[in-house]
Amino acid sequence: MTKTLKKLNINPKIGRLLLKDIGGINSKMNNVSLYFYNMILTKETNPELSQLFRQLNLEEMKHIELLADICYQLGVDPRLWEICFNTGLQDIIFIQDLFPK
């Protein structure tokens, strides 16, 4: 990535929340798949639209890289799936707990 990120303090709670934006159900990675598929489908019938989907796809991949860099700096493996919390209330993350006073 050409832009340099400000050095972040390690905070895995925030990093885990960001994973859903990288590879969750409604994520950047899903957008990449959708734009790629549409790019292929429209390549012959509407080349201009196909190129638009290609450009959207490239932009989404930049977003994935940025989010993955942030997750990594926050101390979280920037994998392409989110962490699911389903073991009870002790795993729920409250926003106010992410930012200590």
Protein backbone atom coordinates (compact mmCIF):
# COMPACT_ATOMS: atom_id res chain seq x y z
CA MET A 1 0.00 0.00 0.00
CA THR A 2 1.42 3.36 -0.94
CA LYS A 3 0.05 5.34 2.00
CA THR A 4 1.67 4.90 5.39
CA LEU A 5 -0.64 4.20 8.29
CA LYS A 6 -0.17 5.91 11.63
CA LYS A 7 1.29 3.40 14.10
CA LEU A 8 -1.59 1.95 16.12
CA ASN A 9 -1.56 0.61 19.65
CA ILE A 10 -2.22 -3.12 19.85
CA ASN A 11 -5.92 -3.65 20.56
CA PRO A 12 -7.17 -7.08 19.45
CA LYS A 13 -10.78 -6.28 20.38
CA ILE A 14 -11.01 -3.58 17.71
CA GLY A 15 -9.06 -5.76 15.25
CA ARG A 16 -11.51 -8.63 15.71
CA LEU A 17 -14.42 -6.27 15.03
CA LEU A 18 -12.79 -5.19 11.76
CA LEU A 19 -12.42 -8.78 10.53
CA LYS A 20 -16.11 -8.87 9.63
CA ASP A 21 -15.49 -6.01 7.18
CA ILE A 22 -12.72 -8.01 5.51
CA GLY A 23 -14.29 -11.45 5.29
CA GLY A 24 -17.65 -11.57 7.05
CA ILE A 25 -21.03 -12.26 5.47
CA ASN A 26 -21.40 -8.69 4.12
CA SER A 27 -17.74 -7.95 3.56
CA LYS A 28 -15.30 -6.36 1.16
CA MET A 29 -14.27 -9.85 0.03
CA ASN A 30 -17.85 -10.66 -0.94
CA ASN A 31 -17.96 -7.43 -2.94
CA VAL A 32 -14.79 -8.46 -4.78
CA SER A 33 -16.40 -11.76 -5.76
CA LEU A 34 -19.59 -10.06 -6.91
CA TYR A 35 -17.79 -7.39 -8.96
CA PHE A 36 -15.51 -10.00 -10.52
CA TYR A 37 -18.48 -12.15 -11.49
CA ASN A 38 -20.33 -9.19 -13.00
CA MET A 39 -17.18 -8.08 -14.81
CA ILE A 40 -16.95 -11.47 -16.53
CA LEU A 41 -20.67 -11.61 -17.36
CA THR A 42 -20.71 -8.16 -18.98
CA LYS A 43 -17.36 -8.35 -20.77
CA GLU A 44 -18.80 -9.18 -24.23
CA THR A 45 -22.23 -7.57 -24.02
CA ASN A 46 -21.25 -4.31 -22.32
CA PRO A 47 -17.47 -3.72 -22.19
CA GLU A 48 -17.83 -0.30 -20.56
CA LEU A 49 -19.87 -1.73 -17.70
CA SER A 50 -17.39 -4.59 -17.41
CA GLN A 51 -14.55 -2.07 -16.99
CA LEU A 52 -16.56 -0.25 -14.33
CA PHE A 53 -16.92 -3.50 -12.38
CA ARG A 54 -13.17 -4.05 -12.81
CA GLN A 55 -12.41 -0.61 -11.36
CA LEU A 56 -14.81 -1.19 -8.46
CA ASN A 57 -13.12 -4.52 -7.82
CA LEU A 58 -9.67 -2.92 -7.69
CA GLU A 59 -10.92 -0.28 -5.26
CA GLU A 60 -12.45 -2.91 -2.98
CA MET A 61 -9.14 -4.81 -2.94
CA LYS A 62 -7.38 -1.62 -1.80
CA HIS A 63 -9.90 -1.39 1.05
CA ILE A 64 -9.23 -5.02 2.00
CA GLU A 65 -5.50 -4.33 2.11
CA LEU A 66 -6.00 -1.24 4.28
CA LEU A 67 -8.29 -3.09 6.72
CA ALA A 68 -5.91 -6.07 6.83
CA ASP A 69 -2.98 -3.75 7.62
CA ILE A 70 -4.98 -2.15 10.43
CA CYS A 71 -5.99 -5.55 11.87
CA TYR A 72 -2.38 -6.71 11.78
CA GLN A 73 -1.20 -3.58 13.58
CA LEU A 74 -3.91 -4.11 16.18
CA GLY A 75 -2.51 -7.58 16.88
CA VAL A 76 -5.04 -9.68 14.97
CA ASP A 77 -4.39 -12.19 12.17
CA PRO A 78 -5.92 -10.47 9.09
CA ARG A 79 -7.57 -13.62 7.76
CA LEU A 80 -10.47 -13.57 5.34
CA TRP A 81 -13.13 -14.66 7.82
CA GLU A 82 -14.47 -13.14 10.98
CA ILE A 83 -14.30 -14.43 14.52
CA CYS A 84 -17.73 -15.60 15.68
CA PHE A 85 -18.57 -15.20 19.32
CA ASN A 86 -21.15 -17.74 20.34
CA THR A 87 -20.13 -19.06 23.74
CA GLY A 88 -22.20 -16.72 25.84
CA LEU A 89 -22.33 -13.21 27.23
CA GLN A 90 -18.66 -13.21 28.32
CA ASP A 91 -17.67 -12.96 24.64
CA ILE A 92 -19.80 -9.94 23.78
CA ILE A 93 -17.70 -6.86 23.08
CA PHE A 94 -19.11 -3.58 24.30
CA ILE A 95 -17.99 -0.45 22.47
CA GLN A 96 -17.24 1.40 25.71
CA ASP A 97 -14.79 -1.38 26.69
CA LEU A 98 -12.74 -0.79 23.54
CA PHE A 99 -11.63 2.69 24.55
CA PRO A 100 -10.33 2.81 28.13
CA LYS A 101 -10.66 6.16 29.90
